[in-house]
Amino acid sequence: MVLSGADLQRQTLRLYGELLARSENWAGQLVFACGEGVSATGLPAAVSIAGGTSLLLDADAAAVKSVFRAGGVDFVVNTLDEALRILKNEIRKHRPVSVALPDSVQSAIAEMTERGVIPDLRISFGSAQGEAEPMGVESLRLALGDIVIPSARAKALLNDRGWSEVVLERATMAELRELDTRLVSLLSDGLRRTWVQRIAHYQRVMAGGVRVVWLTNAERERVENSTEVE
């Protein structure tokens, strides 16, 4: 399923939540995912916003190119060697980056194993949740409905902080930018401010759009009932 607009942003926020439920700082860490169309799931944006690096093995070359043109992935490479050179440098500098390799998944995984490449987390998508241990690393398998279904761990993160997923719509890009400015002024924590500040870089819209964000009930009332955040 190809997601766009609000659904893609909702899924990306949920993936960001899965990462934060495990660590609030992903700088210098590598998240790995593979499968046809995985580059279009919003995962590379979620990892980069969390400060980490991601490697996506995606046999769907058309999806990879589309996501790259839209700004959802930083680099598309032809070989695992190229991918690892980029990732090694950015991991060393603790800078976020996403790399997609449109290649045969099984052969690339075999090569990664032979070369001793061990990611910090592997994320996969399927119809049921469960934990597996491919490649000897922590692995998170997320259930899919229309979009990814948050795990109990991610739900607990939001419940503990009183945050709920809110979709805010705006008619024009100017209004959306104004909304983002208001949200950054309103939100007291760096996790949500970083999300608002960076999501537009990875998921661009041509006219109008939405901002999906976590808000408390009080914050939601302020955003929806006032034209200006004090």
Protein backbone atom coordinates (compact mmCIF):
# COMPACT_ATOMS: atom_id res chain seq x y z
CA MET A 1 0.00 0.00 0.00
CA VAL A 2 1.32 3.44 -0.99
CA LEU A 3 0.64 6.07 1.66
CA SER A 4 0.53 9.81 1.12
CA GLY A 5 -0.53 13.01 2.86
CA ALA A 6 -1.91 12.66 6.36
CA ASP A 7 -1.68 8.84 6.41
CA LEU A 8 2.03 8.87 5.54
CA GLN A 9 2.70 11.53 8.16
CA ARG A 10 0.68 9.65 10.78
CA GLN A 11 2.64 6.48 10.07
CA THR A 12 5.95 8.35 10.22
CA LEU A 13 4.98 9.85 13.59
CA ARG A 14 4.05 6.40 14.88
CA LEU A 15 7.40 5.02 13.77
CA TYR A 16 9.10 7.98 15.48
CA GLY A 17 7.19 6.98 18.61
CA GLU A 18 8.44 3.39 18.35
CA LEU A 19 12.01 4.68 18.29
CA LEU A 20 11.51 7.10 21.19
CA ALA A 21 9.90 4.34 23.25
CA ARG A 22 13.27 2.57 23.07
CA SER A 23 15.66 5.54 23.23
CA GLU A 24 15.28 9.31 23.10
CA ASN A 25 18.66 9.66 21.39
CA TRP A 26 19.48 7.62 18.28
CA ALA A 27 22.61 9.56 17.32
CA GLY A 28 25.32 7.16 16.17
CA GLN A 29 22.93 4.22 15.86
CA LEU A 30 21.80 2.27 12.80
CA VAL A 31 18.25 1.13 12.04
CA PHE A 32 17.82 -1.48 9.32
CA ALA A 33 14.73 -2.47 7.34
CA CYS A 34 14.18 -4.51 4.21
CA GLY A 35 11.38 -5.51 1.91
CA GLU A 36 9.59 -4.31 -1.19
CA GLY A 37 8.39 -0.73 -0.73
CA VAL A 38 9.97 -0.29 2.72
CA SER A 39 11.61 2.99 1.67
CA ALA A 40 8.12 4.48 1.22
CA THR A 41 6.89 3.62 4.73
CA GLY A 42 8.12 6.85 6.34
CA LEU A 43 10.72 4.93 8.34
CA PRO A 44 13.81 6.76 6.96
CA ALA A 45 12.29 10.12 7.92
CA ALA A 46 11.35 8.86 11.40
CA VAL A 47 14.87 7.59 12.06
CA SER A 48 16.52 10.78 10.81
CA ILE A 49 14.24 12.99 12.92
CA ALA A 50 15.17 10.83 15.92
CA GLY A 51 18.83 11.55 15.10
CA GLY A 52 19.80 8.12 13.79
CA THR A 53 20.92 6.55 10.53
CA SER A 54 18.94 4.07 8.46
CA LEU A 55 19.66 1.52 5.77
CA LEU A 56 16.73 0.41 3.61
CA LEU A 57 17.02 -2.60 1.31
CA ASP A 58 14.14 -2.18 -1.11
CA ALA A 59 13.65 -4.28 -4.24
CA ASP A 60 11.07 -1.78 -5.54
CA ALA A 61 13.35 0.56 -7.49
CA ALA A 62 10.44 2.76 -8.59
CA ALA A 63 9.39 3.35 -4.97
CA VAL A 64 12.96 4.18 -3.99
CA LYS A 65 13.28 6.76 -6.77
CA SER A 66 9.91 8.31 -5.93
CA VAL A 67 10.76 8.68 -2.24
CA PHE A 68 14.17 10.12 -3.09
CA ARG A 69 12.65 12.75 -5.40
CA ALA A 70 10.20 13.72 -2.64
CA GLY A 71 13.02 14.17 -0.11
CA GLY A 72 12.10 11.15 2.01
CA VAL A 73 15.51 9.50 1.74
CA ASP A 74 18.92 11.16 1.56
CA PHE A 75 20.89 8.79 -0.69
CA VAL A 76 20.13 6.08 -3.21
CA VAL A 77 23.14 3.86 -3.94
CA ASN A 78 23.92 0.95 -6.21
CA THR A 79 26.03 -1.24 -3.93
CA LEU A 80 26.26 -2.16 -0.28
CA ASP A 81 29.83 -0.81 -0.29
CA GLU A 82 28.54 2.67 -1.18
CA ALA A 83 25.86 2.46 1.49
CA LEU A 84 28.28 1.41 4.21
CA ARG A 85 30.78 4.16 3.35
CA ILE A 86 28.10 6.81 3.77
CA LEU A 87 26.67 5.28 6.92
CA LYS A 88 30.05 4.71 8.59
CA ASN A 89 31.01 8.35 8.16
CA GLU A 90 27.70 9.75 9.45
CA ILE A 91 27.52 7.30 12.35
CA ARG A 92 31.00 8.36 13.41
CA LYS A 93 29.92 12.02 13.34
CA HIS A 94 26.58 11.25 15.04
CA ARG A 95 24.68 12.82 12.13
CA PRO A 96 21.36 11.53 10.79
CA VAL A 97 21.23 10.07 7.29
CA SER A 98 19.09 7.60 5.35
CA VAL A 99 20.40 5.36 2.59
CA ALA A 100 18.30 3.21 0.26
CA LEU A 101 19.69 0.32 -1.77
CA PRO A 102 17.36 -0.98 -4.51
CA ASP A 103 18.75 -4.49 -4.67
CA SER A 104 17.97 -8.11 -4.03
CA VAL A 105 17.18 -8.21 -0.34
CA GLN A 106 18.43 -11.73 0.38
CA SER A 107 21.80 -11.28 -1.31
CA ALA A 108 22.38 -7.93 0.43
CA ILE A 109 21.50 -9.40 3.83
CA ALA A 110 23.87 -12.29 3.22
CA GLU A 111 26.64 -9.83 2.37
CA MET A 112 25.90 -7.75 5.48
CA THR A 113 26.14 -10.87 7.62
CA GLU A 114 29.44 -11.89 6.02
CA ARG A 115 30.88 -8.43 6.64
CA GLY A 116 29.74 -8.33 10.25
CA VAL A 117 27.38 -5.38 9.84
CA ILE A 118 25.18 -5.37 12.95
CA PRO A 119 22.45 -2.71 13.15
CA ASP A 120 21.16 -1.51 16.51
CA LEU A 121 17.55 -2.22 15.55
CA ARG A 122 15.77 -4.01 12.74
CA ILE A 123 12.19 -3.00 11.94
CA SER A 124 9.89 -5.09 9.78
CA PHE A 125 6.26 -4.80 8.84
CA GLY A 126 3.60 -7.51 8.75
CA SER A 127 0.08 -8.54 9.67
CA ALA A 128 0.91 -9.52 13.25
CA GLN A 129 3.20 -8.26 15.96
CA GLY A 130 5.96 -10.34 17.40
CA GLU A 131 9.60 -10.21 18.24
CA ALA A 132 12.17 -12.13 16.23
CA GLU A 133 15.94 -12.03 16.23
CA PRO A 134 17.19 -11.92 12.63
CA MET A 135 20.86 -11.07 12.20
CA GLY A 136 21.33 -11.38 15.95
CA VAL A 137 19.96 -7.90 16.73
CA GLU A 138 16.91 -6.47 18.44
CA SER A 139 14.02 -6.72 16.03
CA LEU A 140 10.64 -5.02 16.08
CA ARG A 141 7.84 -6.36 13.92
CA LEU A 142 4.96 -3.92 13.55
CA ALA A 143 1.41 -4.85 12.63
CA LEU A 144 -0.23 -3.16 9.67
CA GLY A 145 -3.81 -1.95 9.42
CA ASP A 146 -4.39 0.87 6.95
CA ILE A 147 -1.25 2.26 8.57
CA VAL A 148 1.10 0.80 11.15
CA ILE A 149 -0.49 -0.09 14.49
CA PRO A 150 1.49 1.28 17.48
CA SER A 151 3.01 -1.29 19.81
CA ALA A 152 2.10 -1.42 23.49
CA ARG A 153 5.47 0.15 24.26
CA ALA A 154 4.79 3.16 22.04
CA LYS A 155 1.26 3.56 23.41
CA ALA A 156 2.68 3.59 26.95
CA LEU A 157 5.05 6.43 26.01
CA LEU A 158 2.13 8.59 24.89
CA ASN A 159 -0.09 7.65 27.82
CA ASP A 160 2.64 8.48 30.34
CA ARG A 161 2.99 11.98 28.88
CA GLY A 162 -0.68 12.62 28.20
CA TRP A 163 -0.11 12.95 24.46
CA SER A 164 -2.60 12.04 21.76
CA GLU A 165 -2.15 11.91 17.99
CA VAL A 166 -3.81 14.98 16.43
CA VAL A 167 -4.25 15.83 12.73
CA LEU A 168 -4.30 19.57 12.04
CA GLU A 169 -5.31 20.68 8.55
CA ARG A 170 -4.41 23.94 6.81
CA ALA A 171 -5.51 25.25 3.42
CA THR A 172 -2.22 26.76 2.25
CA MET A 173 1.49 26.24 2.75
CA ALA A 174 1.76 29.69 4.35
CA GLU A 175 -0.84 28.70 6.94
CA LEU A 176 0.93 25.41 7.55
CA ARG A 177 4.24 27.20 8.15
CA GLU A 178 2.47 29.57 10.55
CA LEU A 179 1.00 26.58 12.38
CA ASP A 180 4.44 24.99 12.69
CA THR A 181 5.82 28.20 14.18
CA ARG A 182 2.99 28.27 16.72
CA LEU A 183 3.52 24.63 17.62
CA VAL A 184 7.26 25.09 18.18
CA SER A 185 6.46 28.01 20.53
CA LEU A 186 3.83 26.00 22.37
CA LEU A 187 5.58 22.66 22.87
CA SER A 188 7.81 22.46 25.92
CA ASP A 189 9.85 19.37 25.02
CA GLY A 190 12.54 18.87 22.40
CA LEU A 191 11.12 15.60 21.10
CA ARG A 192 7.97 17.13 19.67
CA ARG A 193 9.62 20.41 18.67
CA THR A 194 12.20 18.47 16.65
CA TRP A 195 9.41 16.55 14.95
CA VAL A 196 7.56 19.72 13.92
CA GLN A 197 10.75 21.45 12.79
CA ARG A 198 11.97 18.59 10.59
CA ILE A 199 9.02 16.64 9.20
CA ALA A 200 8.35 19.15 6.39
CA HIS A 201 11.89 18.60 5.11
CA TYR A 202 11.23 14.92 4.50
CA GLN A 203 7.57 15.06 3.44
CA ARG A 204 6.88 18.01 1.19
CA VAL A 205 3.42 19.05 0.02
CA MET A 206 2.58 21.16 -3.03
CA ALA A 207 -0.42 23.11 -1.73
CA GLY A 208 -1.93 23.15 1.71
CA GLY A 209 -1.49 20.14 3.90
CA VAL A 210 -1.57 18.71 7.37
CA ARG A 211 0.55 18.52 10.44
CA VAL A 212 0.21 15.40 12.53
CA VAL A 213 1.54 15.92 16.04
CA TRP A 214 1.21 14.67 19.60
CA LEU A 215 -0.63 17.12 21.86
CA THR A 216 -2.12 17.14 25.32
CA ASN A 217 -5.80 18.04 25.57
CA ALA A 218 -4.92 21.53 26.83
CA GLU A 219 -2.44 22.08 24.00
CA ARG A 220 -4.97 20.95 21.44
CA GLU A 221 -7.53 23.43 22.73
CA ARG A 222 -5.02 26.26 22.51
CA VAL A 223 -4.08 25.42 18.95
CA GLU A 224 -7.64 24.91 17.73
CA ASN A 225 -9.30 27.81 19.58
CA SER A 226 -6.75 30.60 19.25
CA THR A 227 -5.08 32.32 16.35
CA GLU A 228 -1.90 33.03 18.22
CA VAL A 229 0.17 31.19 20.79
CA GLU A 230 1.40 33.51 23.50
